[in-house]
Amino acid sequence: MSEGYLQTLQHEFEAGEGSFLLQLRSDLYWDRQAFGRLVSAMQACCNEHQSTQAFDRWMAEGFWYTQSFVRSWVNHPNFPKPYTQDYYEKACTSLDDLAQWFFSGINPYEGEGGFELIE
């Protein structure tokens, strides 16, 4: 598998220019395309490292932080929500599931038709 997902993850987790996390935090803007890139890279990482026993700290911190930060940010009453509450809940659940998969090595979607990308 290509290591391109690592570059995407690093860019996202560092809140680089145009990243989902930077736009969410700084502009209060949910960029669906950037969210899709983030979630796809997280999924690729989980697939690639499912049996890995040790990770670089930046990866672990990124999965942990993204899961908790995004949920807390979008649940703030002043966060603008152009999409339905159900959309945001599914998106946050996707991040929760990806973090669980990353840390446990167990794909929560195994045998259920796979991970469904929420964009």
N, C-alpha and C. Protein backbone atom coordinates (compact mmCIF):
# COMPACT_ATOMS: atom_id res chain seq x y z
N MET A 1 0.85 -1.20 0.00
CA MET A 1 0.00 0.00 0.00
C MET A 1 0.89 1.25 0.00
N SER A 2 0.47 2.24 -0.68
CA SER A 2 1.20 3.50 -0.75
C SER A 2 1.27 4.15 0.62
N GLU A 3 2.36 4.82 0.87
CA GLU A 3 2.52 5.54 2.13
C GLU A 3 1.92 6.95 2.07
N GLY A 4 1.21 7.27 0.99
CA GLY A 4 0.62 8.60 0.83
C GLY A 4 -0.31 8.99 1.96
N TYR A 5 -0.97 8.00 2.54
CA TYR A 5 -1.89 8.30 3.64
C TYR A 5 -1.14 8.88 4.83
N LEU A 6 0.13 8.50 5.01
CA LEU A 6 0.90 9.03 6.14
C LEU A 6 1.13 10.53 5.99
N GLN A 7 1.42 10.96 4.77
CA GLN A 7 1.60 12.39 4.52
C GLN A 7 0.30 13.15 4.78
N THR A 8 -0.81 12.57 4.33
CA THR A 8 -2.11 13.20 4.58
C THR A 8 -2.39 13.29 6.07
N LEU A 9 -2.16 12.18 6.78
CA LEU A 9 -2.41 12.19 8.23
C LEU A 9 -1.55 13.22 8.93
N GLN A 10 -0.28 13.26 8.59
CA GLN A 10 0.61 14.21 9.24
C GLN A 10 0.15 15.64 8.98
N HIS A 11 -0.21 15.93 7.74
CA HIS A 11 -0.71 17.26 7.39
C HIS A 11 -1.97 17.60 8.17
N GLU A 12 -2.89 16.65 8.25
CA GLU A 12 -4.14 16.87 8.97
C GLU A 12 -3.90 17.00 10.48
N PHE A 13 -3.14 16.07 11.05
CA PHE A 13 -2.92 16.08 12.50
C PHE A 13 -2.12 17.29 12.96
N GLU A 14 -1.32 17.86 12.06
CA GLU A 14 -0.57 19.08 12.39
C GLU A 14 -1.38 20.34 12.06
N ALA A 15 -2.61 20.16 11.59
CA ALA A 15 -3.49 21.27 11.20
C ALA A 15 -2.80 22.16 10.17
N GLY A 16 -2.28 21.52 9.14
CA GLY A 16 -1.63 22.25 8.06
C GLY A 16 -2.61 23.06 7.24
N GLU A 17 -2.08 23.91 6.41
CA GLU A 17 -2.90 24.78 5.56
C GLU A 17 -3.93 23.97 4.76
N GLY A 18 -5.19 24.36 4.87
CA GLY A 18 -6.27 23.70 4.14
C GLY A 18 -6.76 22.41 4.77
N SER A 19 -6.20 22.04 5.91
CA SER A 19 -6.61 20.79 6.56
C SER A 19 -8.00 20.92 7.17
N PHE A 20 -8.64 19.78 7.34
CA PHE A 20 -9.96 19.76 7.96
C PHE A 20 -9.91 20.37 9.36
N LEU A 21 -8.93 19.95 10.16
CA LEU A 21 -8.87 20.43 11.55
C LEU A 21 -8.62 21.93 11.63
N LEU A 22 -7.79 22.46 10.76
CA LEU A 22 -7.53 23.91 10.77
C LEU A 22 -8.80 24.67 10.40
N GLN A 23 -9.49 24.24 9.37
CA GLN A 23 -10.72 24.93 8.96
C GLN A 23 -11.80 24.83 10.02
N LEU A 24 -11.89 23.67 10.67
CA LEU A 24 -12.89 23.49 11.71
C LEU A 24 -12.61 24.43 12.88
N ARG A 25 -11.35 24.48 13.30
CA ARG A 25 -10.99 25.28 14.47
C ARG A 25 -10.97 26.77 14.18
N SER A 26 -10.31 27.14 13.11
CA SER A 26 -10.09 28.57 12.84
C SER A 26 -11.27 29.26 12.17
N ASP A 27 -11.91 28.55 11.24
CA ASP A 27 -12.97 29.17 10.44
C ASP A 27 -14.36 28.71 10.82
N LEU A 28 -14.46 27.77 11.76
CA LEU A 28 -15.75 27.17 12.12
C LEU A 28 -16.44 26.63 10.87
N TYR A 29 -15.64 26.00 10.01
CA TYR A 29 -16.13 25.52 8.73
C TYR A 29 -15.90 24.02 8.61
N TRP A 30 -16.96 23.28 8.33
CA TRP A 30 -16.87 21.84 8.10
C TRP A 30 -16.69 21.62 6.61
N ASP A 31 -15.47 21.32 6.20
CA ASP A 31 -15.15 21.07 4.81
C ASP A 31 -15.31 19.58 4.54
N ARG A 32 -16.38 19.23 3.84
CA ARG A 32 -16.69 17.81 3.61
C ARG A 32 -15.61 17.10 2.82
N GLN A 33 -15.03 17.78 1.86
CA GLN A 33 -13.97 17.18 1.06
C GLN A 33 -12.73 16.91 1.94
N ALA A 34 -12.36 17.87 2.75
CA ALA A 34 -11.20 17.70 3.64
C ALA A 34 -11.49 16.62 4.69
N PHE A 35 -12.73 16.56 5.18
CA PHE A 35 -13.10 15.51 6.12
C PHE A 35 -12.96 14.14 5.45
N GLY A 36 -13.40 14.03 4.21
CA GLY A 36 -13.26 12.78 3.47
C GLY A 36 -11.81 12.35 3.33
N ARG A 37 -10.92 13.31 3.04
CA ARG A 37 -9.49 12.99 2.94
C ARG A 37 -8.95 12.49 4.27
N LEU A 38 -9.34 13.16 5.33
CA LEU A 38 -8.89 12.77 6.67
C LEU A 38 -9.35 11.37 7.02
N VAL A 39 -10.63 11.10 6.86
CA VAL A 39 -11.19 9.80 7.22
C VAL A 39 -10.62 8.69 6.33
N SER A 40 -10.43 8.97 5.06
CA SER A 40 -9.84 7.98 4.16
C SER A 40 -8.40 7.64 4.58
N ALA A 41 -7.64 8.66 4.95
CA ALA A 41 -6.26 8.43 5.40
C ALA A 41 -6.25 7.66 6.72
N MET A 42 -7.17 7.97 7.62
CA MET A 42 -7.26 7.25 8.89
C MET A 42 -7.61 5.78 8.63
N GLN A 43 -8.53 5.55 7.72
CA GLN A 43 -8.92 4.18 7.39
C GLN A 43 -7.75 3.42 6.77
N ALA A 44 -7.03 4.05 5.85
CA ALA A 44 -5.87 3.41 5.22
C ALA A 44 -4.82 3.06 6.27
N CYS A 45 -4.62 3.94 7.21
CA CYS A 45 -3.67 3.70 8.29
C CYS A 45 -4.11 2.50 9.12
N CYS A 46 -5.38 2.44 9.46
CA CYS A 46 -5.90 1.31 10.24
C CYS A 46 -5.73 0.00 9.47
N ASN A 47 -6.04 0.02 8.19
CA ASN A 47 -5.88 -1.18 7.36
C ASN A 47 -4.43 -1.64 7.32
N GLU A 48 -3.54 -0.69 7.14
CA GLU A 48 -2.12 -1.00 6.99
C GLU A 48 -1.49 -1.47 8.30
N HIS A 49 -1.95 -0.93 9.40
CA HIS A 49 -1.30 -1.18 10.69
C HIS A 49 -2.14 -2.01 11.65
N GLN A 50 -3.07 -2.76 11.14
CA GLN A 50 -4.00 -3.50 12.01
C GLN A 50 -3.27 -4.40 13.01
N SER A 51 -2.15 -4.98 12.63
CA SER A 51 -1.44 -5.88 13.54
C SER A 51 -0.17 -5.26 14.13
N THR A 52 0.04 -3.97 13.90
CA THR A 52 1.21 -3.28 14.44
C THR A 52 1.07 -3.13 15.95
N GLN A 53 2.16 -3.38 16.66
CA GLN A 53 2.12 -3.32 18.12
C GLN A 53 2.56 -1.97 18.68
N ALA A 54 3.33 -1.20 17.93
CA ALA A 54 3.81 0.10 18.41
C ALA A 54 3.69 1.12 17.28
N PHE A 55 3.35 2.34 17.65
CA PHE A 55 3.15 3.41 16.69
C PHE A 55 3.99 4.62 17.08
N ASP A 56 4.25 5.45 16.08
CA ASP A 56 4.86 6.75 16.39
C ASP A 56 3.87 7.54 17.22
N ARG A 57 4.39 8.30 18.16
CA ARG A 57 3.54 9.08 19.06
C ARG A 57 2.62 10.03 18.29
N TRP A 58 3.11 10.65 17.21
CA TRP A 58 2.28 11.61 16.48
C TRP A 58 1.03 10.95 15.93
N MET A 59 1.14 9.68 15.52
CA MET A 59 -0.04 8.98 15.00
C MET A 59 -1.06 8.75 16.11
N ALA A 60 -0.59 8.23 17.23
CA ALA A 60 -1.49 7.95 18.35
C ALA A 60 -2.13 9.23 18.86
N GLU A 61 -1.35 10.28 19.01
CA GLU A 61 -1.90 11.56 19.47
C GLU A 61 -2.93 12.09 18.47
N GLY A 62 -2.65 11.94 17.19
CA GLY A 62 -3.57 12.43 16.16
C GLY A 62 -4.90 11.72 16.18
N PHE A 63 -4.89 10.41 16.28
CA PHE A 63 -6.15 9.66 16.34
C PHE A 63 -6.93 10.03 17.60
N TRP A 64 -6.24 10.10 18.73
CA TRP A 64 -6.91 10.43 19.99
C TRP A 64 -7.48 11.85 19.94
N TYR A 65 -6.66 12.80 19.53
CA TYR A 65 -7.07 14.20 19.53
C TYR A 65 -8.23 14.45 18.56
N THR A 66 -8.10 13.93 17.35
CA THR A 66 -9.12 14.16 16.33
C THR A 66 -10.48 13.66 16.78
N GLN A 67 -10.50 12.47 17.33
CA GLN A 67 -11.76 11.88 17.79
C GLN A 67 -12.43 12.77 18.85
N SER A 68 -11.67 13.20 19.83
CA SER A 68 -12.28 13.98 20.92
C SER A 68 -12.54 15.43 20.52
N PHE A 69 -11.60 16.05 19.80
CA PHE A 69 -11.73 17.45 19.44
C PHE A 69 -12.93 17.71 18.53
N VAL A 70 -13.06 16.91 17.48
CA VAL A 70 -14.13 17.15 16.51
C VAL A 70 -15.49 17.05 17.18
N ARG A 71 -15.69 16.02 17.98
CA ARG A 71 -16.98 15.86 18.66
C ARG A 71 -17.26 17.06 19.58
N SER A 72 -16.29 17.46 20.36
CA SER A 72 -16.52 18.57 21.29
C SER A 72 -16.76 19.88 20.54
N TRP A 73 -16.09 20.06 19.43
CA TRP A 73 -16.22 21.31 18.67
C TRP A 73 -17.59 21.41 18.01
N VAL A 74 -18.03 20.35 17.36
CA VAL A 74 -19.32 20.42 16.66
C VAL A 74 -20.50 20.36 17.62
N ASN A 75 -20.28 19.90 18.83
CA ASN A 75 -21.37 19.88 19.81
C ASN A 75 -21.53 21.20 20.55
N HIS A 76 -20.64 22.14 20.30
CA HIS A 76 -20.77 23.46 20.93
C HIS A 76 -22.00 24.15 20.34
N PRO A 77 -22.83 24.77 21.18
CA PRO A 77 -24.07 25.37 20.68
C PRO A 77 -23.87 26.48 19.65
N ASN A 78 -22.72 27.11 19.64
CA ASN A 78 -22.49 28.20 18.69
C ASN A 78 -21.81 27.75 17.40
N PHE A 79 -21.54 26.47 17.28
CA PHE A 79 -20.92 25.98 16.04
C PHE A 79 -21.97 25.97 14.93
N PRO A 80 -21.68 26.63 13.79
CA PRO A 80 -22.65 26.65 12.68
C PRO A 80 -22.79 25.24 12.08
N LYS A 81 -24.01 24.81 11.89
CA LYS A 81 -24.27 23.46 11.38
C LYS A 81 -25.17 23.51 10.15
N PRO A 82 -24.55 23.61 8.96
CA PRO A 82 -25.36 23.61 7.75
C PRO A 82 -25.91 22.23 7.38
N TYR A 83 -25.39 21.17 8.02
CA TYR A 83 -25.86 19.82 7.75
C TYR A 83 -26.71 19.34 8.93
N THR A 84 -27.38 18.23 8.75
CA THR A 84 -28.27 17.73 9.81
C THR A 84 -27.45 17.25 11.01
N GLN A 85 -28.10 17.23 12.15
CA GLN A 85 -27.46 16.72 13.37
C GLN A 85 -27.07 15.25 13.17
N ASP A 86 -27.88 14.52 12.45
CA ASP A 86 -27.60 13.12 12.18
C ASP A 86 -26.28 12.97 11.40
N TYR A 87 -26.05 13.85 10.44
CA TYR A 87 -24.79 13.82 9.69
C TYR A 87 -23.60 13.97 10.62
N TYR A 88 -23.64 14.98 11.50
CA TYR A 88 -22.52 15.22 12.41
C TYR A 88 -22.33 14.05 13.37
N GLU A 89 -23.41 13.47 13.83
CA GLU A 89 -23.32 12.33 14.74
C GLU A 89 -22.66 11.14 14.03
N LYS A 90 -23.06 10.88 12.79
CA LYS A 90 -22.45 9.78 12.04
C LYS A 90 -20.97 10.06 11.76
N ALA A 91 -20.65 11.29 11.45
CA ALA A 91 -19.26 11.65 11.20
C ALA A 91 -18.41 11.44 12.46
N CYS A 92 -18.92 11.88 13.59
CA CYS A 92 -18.19 11.71 14.86
C CYS A 92 -18.09 10.24 15.24
N THR A 93 -19.14 9.48 14.98
CA THR A 93 -19.10 8.04 15.25
C THR A 93 -18.05 7.37 14.37
N SER A 94 -17.91 7.82 13.13
CA SER A 94 -16.86 7.29 12.25
C SER A 94 -15.48 7.53 12.86
N LEU A 95 -15.26 8.73 13.39
CA LEU A 95 -13.97 9.03 14.02
C LEU A 95 -13.76 8.18 15.27
N ASP A 96 -14.82 7.98 16.05
CA ASP A 96 -14.73 7.11 17.23
C ASP A 96 -14.34 5.69 16.83
N ASP A 97 -15.01 5.19 15.80
CA ASP A 97 -14.75 3.83 15.34
C ASP A 97 -13.34 3.67 14.79
N LEU A 98 -12.88 4.68 14.06
CA LEU A 98 -11.52 4.62 13.52
C LEU A 98 -10.49 4.65 14.64
N ALA A 99 -10.72 5.45 15.66
CA ALA A 99 -9.80 5.48 16.81
C ALA A 99 -9.80 4.13 17.53
N GLN A 100 -10.96 3.57 17.70
CA GLN A 100 -11.05 2.24 18.34
C GLN A 100 -10.27 1.22 17.52
N TRP A 101 -10.47 1.23 16.22
CA TRP A 101 -9.78 0.31 15.32
C TRP A 101 -8.26 0.51 15.41
N PHE A 102 -7.83 1.78 15.38
CA PHE A 102 -6.41 2.09 15.44
C PHE A 102 -5.78 1.55 16.73
N PHE A 103 -6.43 1.80 17.86
CA PHE A 103 -5.84 1.43 19.14
C PHE A 103 -6.00 -0.04 19.49
N SER A 104 -7.06 -0.66 19.04
CA SER A 104 -7.30 -2.07 19.40
C SER A 104 -6.81 -3.05 18.33
N GLY A 105 -6.71 -2.57 17.08
CA GLY A 105 -6.35 -3.46 15.99
C GLY A 105 -7.53 -4.29 15.50
N ILE A 106 -8.71 -4.02 16.04
CA ILE A 106 -9.91 -4.77 15.68
C ILE A 106 -10.82 -3.88 14.86
N ASN A 107 -11.06 -4.29 13.63
CA ASN A 107 -11.92 -3.54 12.73
C ASN A 107 -13.37 -3.72 13.18
N PRO A 108 -14.02 -2.65 13.66
CA PRO A 108 -15.41 -2.78 14.13
C PRO A 108 -16.38 -3.08 12.99
N TYR A 109 -15.93 -3.00 11.75
CA TYR A 109 -16.79 -3.22 10.60
C TYR A 109 -16.53 -4.57 9.93
N GLU A 110 -15.63 -5.35 10.51
CA GLU A 110 -15.31 -6.67 9.93
C GLU A 110 -16.59 -7.50 9.83
N GLY A 111 -16.86 -8.00 8.65
CA GLY A 111 -18.04 -8.84 8.46
C GLY A 111 -19.34 -8.08 8.31
N GLU A 112 -19.28 -6.75 8.33
CA GLU A 112 -20.50 -5.94 8.20
C GLU A 112 -20.51 -5.17 6.89
N GLY A 113 -19.72 -5.58 5.94
CA GLY A 113 -19.69 -4.89 4.66
C GLY A 113 -18.65 -3.80 4.60
N GLY A 114 -17.86 -3.65 5.64
CA GLY A 114 -16.78 -2.68 5.63
C GLY A 114 -17.16 -1.32 6.19
N PHE A 115 -16.17 -0.47 6.25
CA PHE A 115 -16.31 0.88 6.77
C PHE A 115 -17.08 1.71 5.77
N GLU A 116 -18.07 2.43 6.23
CA GLU A 116 -18.85 3.31 5.36
C GLU A 116 -18.36 4.74 5.56
N LEU A 117 -17.77 5.30 4.54
CA LEU A 117 -17.22 6.64 4.63
C LEU A 117 -18.35 7.67 4.68
N ILE A 118 -18.33 8.47 5.71
CA ILE A 118 -19.29 9.57 5.87
C ILE A 118 -18.57 10.83 5.39
N GLU A 119 -19.05 11.41 4.32
CA GLU A 119 -18.41 12.63 3.79
C GLU A 119 -19.33 13.80 3.94
